[in-house]
Amino acid sequence: MDAGTVMRELEALGKERMKKMYISNGAKEPVFGVATGAMKPLAKKIKVNQELAEQLYATGNYDAMYFAGIIADPKAMTEADFDRWIDGAYFYMLSDNVVSVTLAEADIAQEVADKWIASGEELRMSAGWSCYCWLLGNRKDEEFSTEKLEGMLETVKETIHDAPERAKSAMNNFVYTVAVSYVALHEKAVEIAGEMGPVEMKRDGKKPSILNAFEEIQKQVDRGRIGFKRKYVRC
């Protein structure tokens, strides 16, 4: 199946309601408005196709870029490939839900995410922190350095209130994810979340969001979900 055929298939799946929702969150034309679940039958036909994924991502069409992440081969992508993808991710639904997710299945995930976090650029930072959330929620605890994660928690505590807006959300999610999915640092993450307190995240054209990792962690404690790991990263 070539890129043109895929684009026609995606366009046929588009819904005006979904298109409006994506645009309200920052997507720009061209957008078809395809629900992620509606992409699954098409993804099953194609399976993994990195060349096609690159062609679709380069279209600038939000739905095609999202679908590219589903059929990409992360282990075949280089750091330069991921940098090119994050350069094209113009809003958080691409940086955090496509690029960071794809990166999380690559062997170089932590190396690349570390550089993005250190970049000081809003969406790169957001993608880097989000990548760690996907990693921690899926990979075994033994694959991480406890000392490194503890240092990252301290960095969040010290910098989150002055961080770029989208990075605030990803950093808050990082503390939450460590508490829920990395058992060795559960207590430390709870402590950090309490010291952080509520975090205000400003949003263009919308009321600010109040992020509270401590409250969200407690909900998962009450549900007995500490130690949770998801089977898959990508859908």
Protein backbone atom coordinates (compact mmCIF):
# COMPACT_ATOMS: atom_id res chain seq x y z
CA MET A 1 0.00 0.00 0.00
CA ASP A 2 1.50 3.33 -1.04
CA ALA A 3 1.26 6.71 0.70
CA GLY A 4 -1.41 8.04 -1.63
CA THR A 5 -3.68 5.07 -0.96
CA VAL A 6 -3.19 5.41 2.79
CA MET A 7 -4.04 9.11 2.65
CA ARG A 8 -7.27 8.34 0.80
CA GLU A 9 -8.14 5.63 3.32
CA LEU A 10 -7.52 8.01 6.22
CA GLU A 11 -9.53 10.80 4.63
CA ALA A 12 -12.49 8.44 4.26
CA LEU A 13 -12.30 7.66 7.99
CA GLY A 14 -12.33 11.33 9.03
CA LYS A 15 -15.13 12.78 11.14
CA GLU A 16 -15.89 16.48 11.50
CA ARG A 17 -16.38 16.17 15.27
CA MET A 18 -12.93 14.64 15.73
CA LYS A 19 -11.39 17.21 13.42
CA LYS A 20 -12.80 20.06 15.52
CA MET A 21 -11.49 18.40 18.68
CA TYR A 22 -7.98 17.98 17.27
CA ILE A 23 -7.93 21.59 16.05
CA SER A 24 -9.12 22.86 19.43
CA ASN A 25 -6.09 21.13 20.96
CA GLY A 26 -3.64 22.69 18.54
CA ALA A 27 -3.74 20.69 15.31
CA LYS A 28 -3.47 22.70 12.09
CA GLU A 29 -4.81 21.97 8.63
CA PRO A 30 -4.57 19.59 6.92
CA VAL A 31 -6.54 17.42 9.37
CA PHE A 32 -9.03 14.65 8.51
CA GLY A 33 -10.26 13.94 12.04
CA VAL A 34 -9.68 10.18 12.27
CA ALA A 35 -10.30 8.53 15.64
CA THR A 36 -7.27 6.52 16.74
CA GLY A 37 -9.34 3.36 17.11
CA ALA A 38 -10.53 3.67 13.51
CA MET A 39 -6.91 3.41 12.34
CA LYS A 40 -6.38 -0.08 13.76
CA PRO A 41 -7.79 -2.14 10.84
CA LEU A 42 -5.59 -0.21 8.40
CA ALA A 43 -2.57 -0.63 10.66
CA LYS A 44 -3.15 -4.41 10.78
CA LYS A 45 -3.04 -4.54 6.98
CA ILE A 46 0.22 -2.61 6.77
CA LYS A 47 1.91 -3.76 9.98
CA VAL A 48 5.42 -2.24 10.18
CA ASN A 49 6.68 -0.14 7.28
CA GLN A 50 9.29 2.47 8.11
CA GLU A 51 9.60 3.85 4.57
CA LEU A 52 5.85 4.43 4.39
CA ALA A 53 5.85 5.90 7.91
CA GLU A 54 8.47 8.46 6.85
CA GLN A 55 6.43 9.45 3.79
CA LEU A 56 3.25 9.88 5.85
CA TYR A 57 4.96 11.84 8.62
CA ALA A 58 6.40 14.24 6.03
CA THR A 59 2.91 15.17 4.74
CA GLY A 60 2.25 17.47 7.71
CA ASN A 61 -1.26 16.03 7.93
CA TYR A 62 -2.00 15.36 11.62
CA ASP A 63 -3.80 12.05 11.02
CA ALA A 64 -1.08 10.79 8.69
CA MET A 65 1.61 11.80 11.18
CA TYR A 66 -0.19 9.95 13.97
CA PHE A 67 -0.62 6.88 11.78
CA ALA A 68 3.08 7.05 10.89
CA GLY A 69 3.88 6.50 14.55
CA ILE A 70 1.73 3.36 14.59
CA ILE A 71 3.45 1.68 11.64
CA ALA A 72 6.99 2.96 12.26
CA ASP A 73 9.90 0.69 13.15
CA PRO A 74 11.48 2.47 16.14
CA LYS A 75 14.48 0.16 16.29
CA ALA A 76 15.35 1.10 12.70
CA MET A 77 15.26 4.83 13.48
CA THR A 78 18.43 6.76 14.30
CA GLU A 79 18.82 9.72 16.62
CA ALA A 80 18.77 11.95 13.53
CA ASP A 81 15.46 10.38 12.48
CA PHE A 82 13.91 11.11 15.87
CA ASP A 83 15.28 14.64 15.83
CA ARG A 84 13.66 15.16 12.44
CA TRP A 85 10.35 13.86 13.77
CA ILE A 86 10.43 16.09 16.84
CA ASP A 87 11.27 19.04 14.59
CA GLY A 88 8.04 18.32 12.71
CA ALA A 89 5.96 17.90 15.88
CA TYR A 90 4.37 21.34 16.07
CA PHE A 91 2.07 20.70 19.04
CA TYR A 92 1.90 18.46 22.08
CA MET A 93 -0.34 15.73 20.65
CA LEU A 94 2.45 14.98 18.17
CA SER A 95 5.41 15.49 20.51
CA ASP A 96 3.95 13.56 23.45
CA ASN A 97 1.58 11.06 21.83
CA VAL A 98 3.43 10.20 18.62
CA VAL A 99 7.14 11.02 18.74
CA SER A 100 7.76 10.18 22.39
CA VAL A 101 5.73 6.97 22.12
CA THR A 102 7.69 5.84 19.06
CA LEU A 103 10.98 6.73 20.75
CA ALA A 104 9.99 4.70 23.82
CA GLU A 105 10.28 1.49 21.77
CA ALA A 106 13.80 2.31 20.53
CA ASP A 107 17.00 1.08 22.15
CA ILE A 108 18.31 4.68 22.21
CA ALA A 109 15.22 6.01 24.01
CA GLN A 110 16.83 7.22 27.23
CA GLU A 111 19.84 8.71 25.44
CA VAL A 112 17.67 10.78 23.09
CA ALA A 113 15.11 11.71 25.75
CA ASP A 114 17.89 12.99 28.05
CA LYS A 115 19.10 15.36 25.32
CA TRP A 116 15.59 16.62 24.63
CA ILE A 117 14.95 17.26 28.33
CA ALA A 118 18.17 19.27 28.54
CA SER A 119 17.39 21.28 25.40
CA GLY A 120 15.25 23.94 27.09
CA GLU A 121 12.82 23.79 24.13
CA GLU A 122 9.20 23.33 25.21
CA LEU A 123 8.07 20.45 22.98
CA ARG A 124 11.43 18.69 23.05
CA MET A 125 11.36 18.81 26.85
CA SER A 126 7.77 17.64 26.89
CA ALA A 127 8.56 14.73 24.56
CA GLY A 128 11.62 13.76 26.60
CA TRP A 129 9.79 13.65 29.91
CA SER A 130 6.81 11.92 28.26
CA CYS A 131 9.12 9.29 26.80
CA TYR A 132 10.26 8.38 30.30
CA CYS A 133 6.62 8.02 31.32
CA TRP A 134 6.02 5.53 28.49
CA LEU A 135 9.25 3.71 29.33
CA LEU A 136 8.57 3.44 33.06
CA GLY A 137 5.03 2.27 32.44
CA ASN A 138 6.19 -0.58 30.21
CA ARG A 139 9.76 -1.70 30.86
CA LYS A 140 11.08 -3.64 33.82
CA ASP A 141 12.43 -1.62 36.72
CA GLU A 142 15.87 -3.23 36.28
CA GLU A 143 16.33 -1.31 33.01
CA PHE A 144 16.59 1.99 34.88
CA SER A 145 19.10 3.58 37.23
CA THR A 146 17.42 4.35 40.55
CA GLU A 147 20.01 7.06 41.22
CA LYS A 148 19.32 8.69 37.86
CA LEU A 149 15.55 8.66 38.33
CA GLU A 150 15.93 10.07 41.84
CA GLY A 151 17.96 12.93 40.42
CA MET A 152 15.30 13.54 37.79
CA LEU A 153 12.65 13.73 40.50
CA GLU A 154 14.70 16.40 42.27
CA THR A 155 15.05 18.30 38.99
CA VAL A 156 11.29 18.30 38.55
CA LYS A 157 10.73 19.56 42.08
CA GLU A 158 13.19 22.39 41.61
CA THR A 159 12.18 23.53 38.11
CA ILE A 160 8.60 22.54 37.29
CA HIS A 161 6.91 25.78 38.36
CA ASP A 162 9.14 27.79 36.01
CA ALA A 163 9.25 25.28 33.16
CA PRO A 164 7.60 25.81 29.74
CA GLU A 165 3.87 25.10 29.92
CA ARG A 166 3.69 21.77 28.07
CA ALA A 167 6.83 20.58 29.84
CA LYS A 168 5.03 21.17 33.16
CA SER A 169 2.41 18.58 32.22
CA ALA A 170 4.98 15.98 31.17
CA MET A 171 7.12 16.60 34.27
CA ASN A 172 4.08 16.26 36.51
CA ASN A 173 3.23 12.99 34.72
CA PHE A 174 6.79 11.80 35.25
CA VAL A 175 6.49 12.14 39.04
CA TYR A 176 3.13 10.37 38.92
CA THR A 177 4.50 7.56 36.74
CA VAL A 178 7.55 6.97 38.92
CA ALA A 179 5.26 6.70 41.95
CA VAL A 180 2.95 4.23 40.24
CA SER A 181 5.26 2.17 38.02
CA TYR A 182 8.72 2.25 39.65
CA VAL A 183 8.23 0.65 43.04
CA ALA A 184 11.71 1.38 44.40
CA LEU A 185 11.05 5.13 44.27
CA HIS A 186 7.36 5.15 45.14
CA GLU A 187 7.83 6.82 48.52
CA LYS A 188 10.34 9.31 47.14
CA ALA A 189 7.99 10.27 44.29
CA VAL A 190 5.10 10.73 46.73
CA GLU A 191 7.33 12.98 48.83
CA ILE A 192 8.35 15.02 45.78
CA ALA A 193 4.75 15.32 44.62
CA GLY A 194 3.76 16.68 48.00
CA GLU A 195 6.59 19.22 47.99
CA MET A 196 5.69 20.33 44.45
CA GLY A 197 2.07 20.96 45.33
CA PRO A 198 -0.44 22.03 42.66
CA VAL A 199 1.11 23.19 39.37
CA GLU A 200 -0.65 25.71 37.16
CA MET A 201 -0.35 25.10 33.42
CA LYS A 202 -1.49 27.91 31.14
CA ARG A 203 -3.20 26.97 27.88
CA ASP A 204 -3.80 29.13 24.82
CA GLY A 205 -7.42 30.24 24.63
CA LYS A 206 -8.45 28.05 27.57
CA LYS A 207 -8.57 28.26 31.34
CA PRO A 208 -5.36 27.18 33.09
CA SER A 209 -5.13 23.55 34.20
CA ILE A 210 -4.19 22.74 37.77
CA LEU A 211 -1.96 19.67 37.89
CA ASN A 212 -1.69 17.75 41.15
CA ALA A 213 0.50 14.66 41.00
CA PHE A 214 0.06 13.95 44.73
CA GLU A 215 -3.73 13.59 44.46
CA GLU A 216 -3.51 11.46 41.31
CA ILE A 217 -0.96 9.14 42.94
CA GLN A 218 -3.21 8.67 45.96
CA LYS A 219 -6.04 7.56 43.68
CA GLN A 220 -3.83 4.80 42.31
CA VAL A 221 -2.70 3.82 45.81
CA ASP A 222 -6.35 3.46 46.81
CA ARG A 223 -6.97 1.27 43.77
CA GLY A 224 -4.01 -0.99 44.57
CA ARG A 225 -2.29 -0.20 41.27
CA ILE A 226 1.24 0.52 42.49
CA GLY A 227 3.65 -1.46 40.33
CA PHE A 228 1.40 -1.22 37.25
CA LYS A 229 3.05 -1.94 33.90
CA ARG A 230 1.32 -1.83 30.51
CA LYS A 231 1.96 -4.67 28.07
CA TYR A 232 2.41 -2.46 25.03
CA VAL A 233 3.50 1.14 24.48
CA ARG A 234 1.95 1.75 21.06
CA CYS A 235 -1.64 0.79 20.28
